[in-house]
Amino acid sequence: MSDSALSTTEPVDTELRGRIMRGIEEVLPRILKIELADIPENACFFEDFGLTSSGTIDLVLEIEEELDIQVDIEHLSVDDLRSIGSLTDFVAGHLVDED
């Protein structure tokens, strides 16, 4: 099993996860340049929103800026980009301490 697969099984702080989810809900409409009424956690970036792979990187960068966090994207995989929930879990599990 790869390191990235192991990191997604670690428990995620529910408050942090909620903050990241809200950040995605704020940023995603700006990236897509459309209004979104409701964004379900299981919504798929590629199939439901037509987001491109470069668009997902823009999304992560915007999330970092919106939430004033830094994310280690070295192990970011396609599976982490499948849905809002999977990206939320990835971001929560791959925060970089800013010292």
Protein backbone atom coordinates (compact mmCIF):
# COMPACT_ATOMS: atom_id res chain seq x y z
CA MET A 1 0.00 0.00 0.00
CA SER A 2 1.37 3.45 -0.87
CA ASP A 3 2.02 6.22 1.63
CA SER A 4 -0.79 8.33 0.19
CA ALA A 5 -3.28 5.50 0.66
CA LEU A 6 -2.21 5.17 4.28
CA SER A 7 -2.55 8.88 4.99
CA THR A 8 -6.17 8.99 3.85
CA THR A 9 -7.13 6.39 6.47
CA GLU A 10 -5.93 8.54 9.38
CA PRO A 11 -8.73 10.12 11.43
CA VAL A 12 -9.52 13.66 10.33
CA ASP A 13 -10.48 16.44 12.75
CA THR A 14 -14.18 17.10 12.03
CA GLU A 15 -13.87 20.85 12.68
CA LEU A 16 -10.93 21.10 10.27
CA ARG A 17 -12.76 18.97 7.72
CA GLY A 18 -15.81 21.24 7.93
CA ARG A 19 -13.64 24.34 7.49
CA ILE A 20 -12.01 22.84 4.39
CA MET A 21 -15.39 21.78 2.98
CA ARG A 22 -16.72 25.33 3.42
CA GLY A 23 -13.56 26.66 1.75
CA ILE A 24 -14.13 24.39 -1.25
CA GLU A 25 -17.76 25.55 -1.43
CA GLU A 26 -16.54 29.18 -1.48
CA VAL A 27 -13.75 28.67 -4.02
CA LEU A 28 -15.27 26.17 -6.48
CA PRO A 29 -17.80 28.61 -8.02
CA ARG A 30 -14.98 31.12 -8.62
CA ILE A 31 -12.86 28.48 -10.34
CA LEU A 32 -15.79 27.28 -12.46
CA LYS A 33 -17.06 30.83 -13.05
CA ILE A 34 -20.64 29.72 -12.34
CA GLU A 35 -23.06 29.94 -9.44
CA LEU A 36 -23.59 26.72 -7.49
CA ALA A 37 -26.63 26.45 -5.24
CA ASP A 38 -25.69 23.25 -3.45
CA ILE A 39 -22.48 21.25 -3.59
CA PRO A 40 -22.90 17.68 -2.36
CA GLU A 41 -19.86 16.03 -0.80
CA ASN A 42 -20.02 13.18 -3.33
CA ALA A 43 -20.06 15.55 -6.32
CA CYS A 44 -17.31 14.66 -8.80
CA PHE A 45 -15.03 17.42 -10.01
CA PHE A 46 -14.51 15.95 -13.47
CA GLU A 47 -17.90 14.39 -14.26
CA ASP A 48 -20.27 16.77 -12.44
CA PHE A 49 -18.42 20.06 -12.87
CA GLY A 50 -16.21 19.43 -15.92
CA LEU A 51 -13.13 20.57 -14.03
CA THR A 52 -9.82 19.87 -15.77
CA SER A 53 -6.70 18.55 -14.06
CA SER A 54 -5.15 22.03 -14.19
CA GLY A 55 -8.38 23.39 -12.76
CA THR A 56 -8.04 21.10 -9.75
CA ILE A 57 -4.55 22.47 -9.08
CA ASP A 58 -5.99 26.00 -9.29
CA LEU A 59 -8.68 24.86 -6.86
CA VAL A 60 -6.13 23.60 -4.32
CA LEU A 61 -4.12 26.82 -4.64
CA GLU A 62 -7.27 28.90 -4.11
CA ILE A 63 -8.23 26.77 -1.09
CA GLU A 64 -4.79 27.44 0.39
CA GLU A 65 -5.25 31.16 -0.11
CA GLU A 66 -8.87 31.24 1.12
CA LEU A 67 -8.09 29.30 4.31
CA ASP A 68 -4.55 30.62 4.84
CA ILE A 69 -3.12 27.10 4.86
CA GLN A 70 -0.45 25.22 2.95
CA VAL A 71 -1.06 21.76 1.50
CA ASP A 72 1.61 19.21 0.57
CA ILE A 73 0.43 18.14 -2.90
CA GLU A 74 3.39 15.86 -3.61
CA HIS A 75 1.23 12.75 -3.12
CA LEU A 76 -1.97 14.16 -4.65
CA SER A 77 -3.50 11.49 -6.88
CA VAL A 78 -6.46 11.22 -9.22
CA ASP A 79 -8.35 9.35 -6.49
CA ASP A 80 -7.95 12.36 -4.19
CA LEU A 81 -9.61 14.49 -6.86
CA ARG A 82 -12.59 12.22 -7.49
CA SER A 83 -15.02 14.11 -5.28
CA ILE A 84 -15.43 17.05 -2.94
CA GLY A 85 -15.18 14.66 0.01
CA SER A 86 -12.00 12.95 -1.18
CA LEU A 87 -10.27 16.30 -1.79
CA THR A 88 -11.43 17.53 1.62
CA ASP A 89 -9.91 14.47 3.27
CA PHE A 90 -6.68 14.85 1.29
CA VAL A 91 -6.27 18.52 2.23
CA ALA A 92 -7.04 17.82 5.90
CA GLY A 93 -4.49 15.01 5.97
CA HIS A 94 -1.72 16.86 4.11
CA LEU A 95 -1.44 20.26 5.78
CA VAL A 96 2.08 21.65 6.05
CA ASP A 97 3.14 23.37 9.25
CA GLU A 98 4.21 26.90 8.47
CA ASP A 99 7.09 27.74 10.80
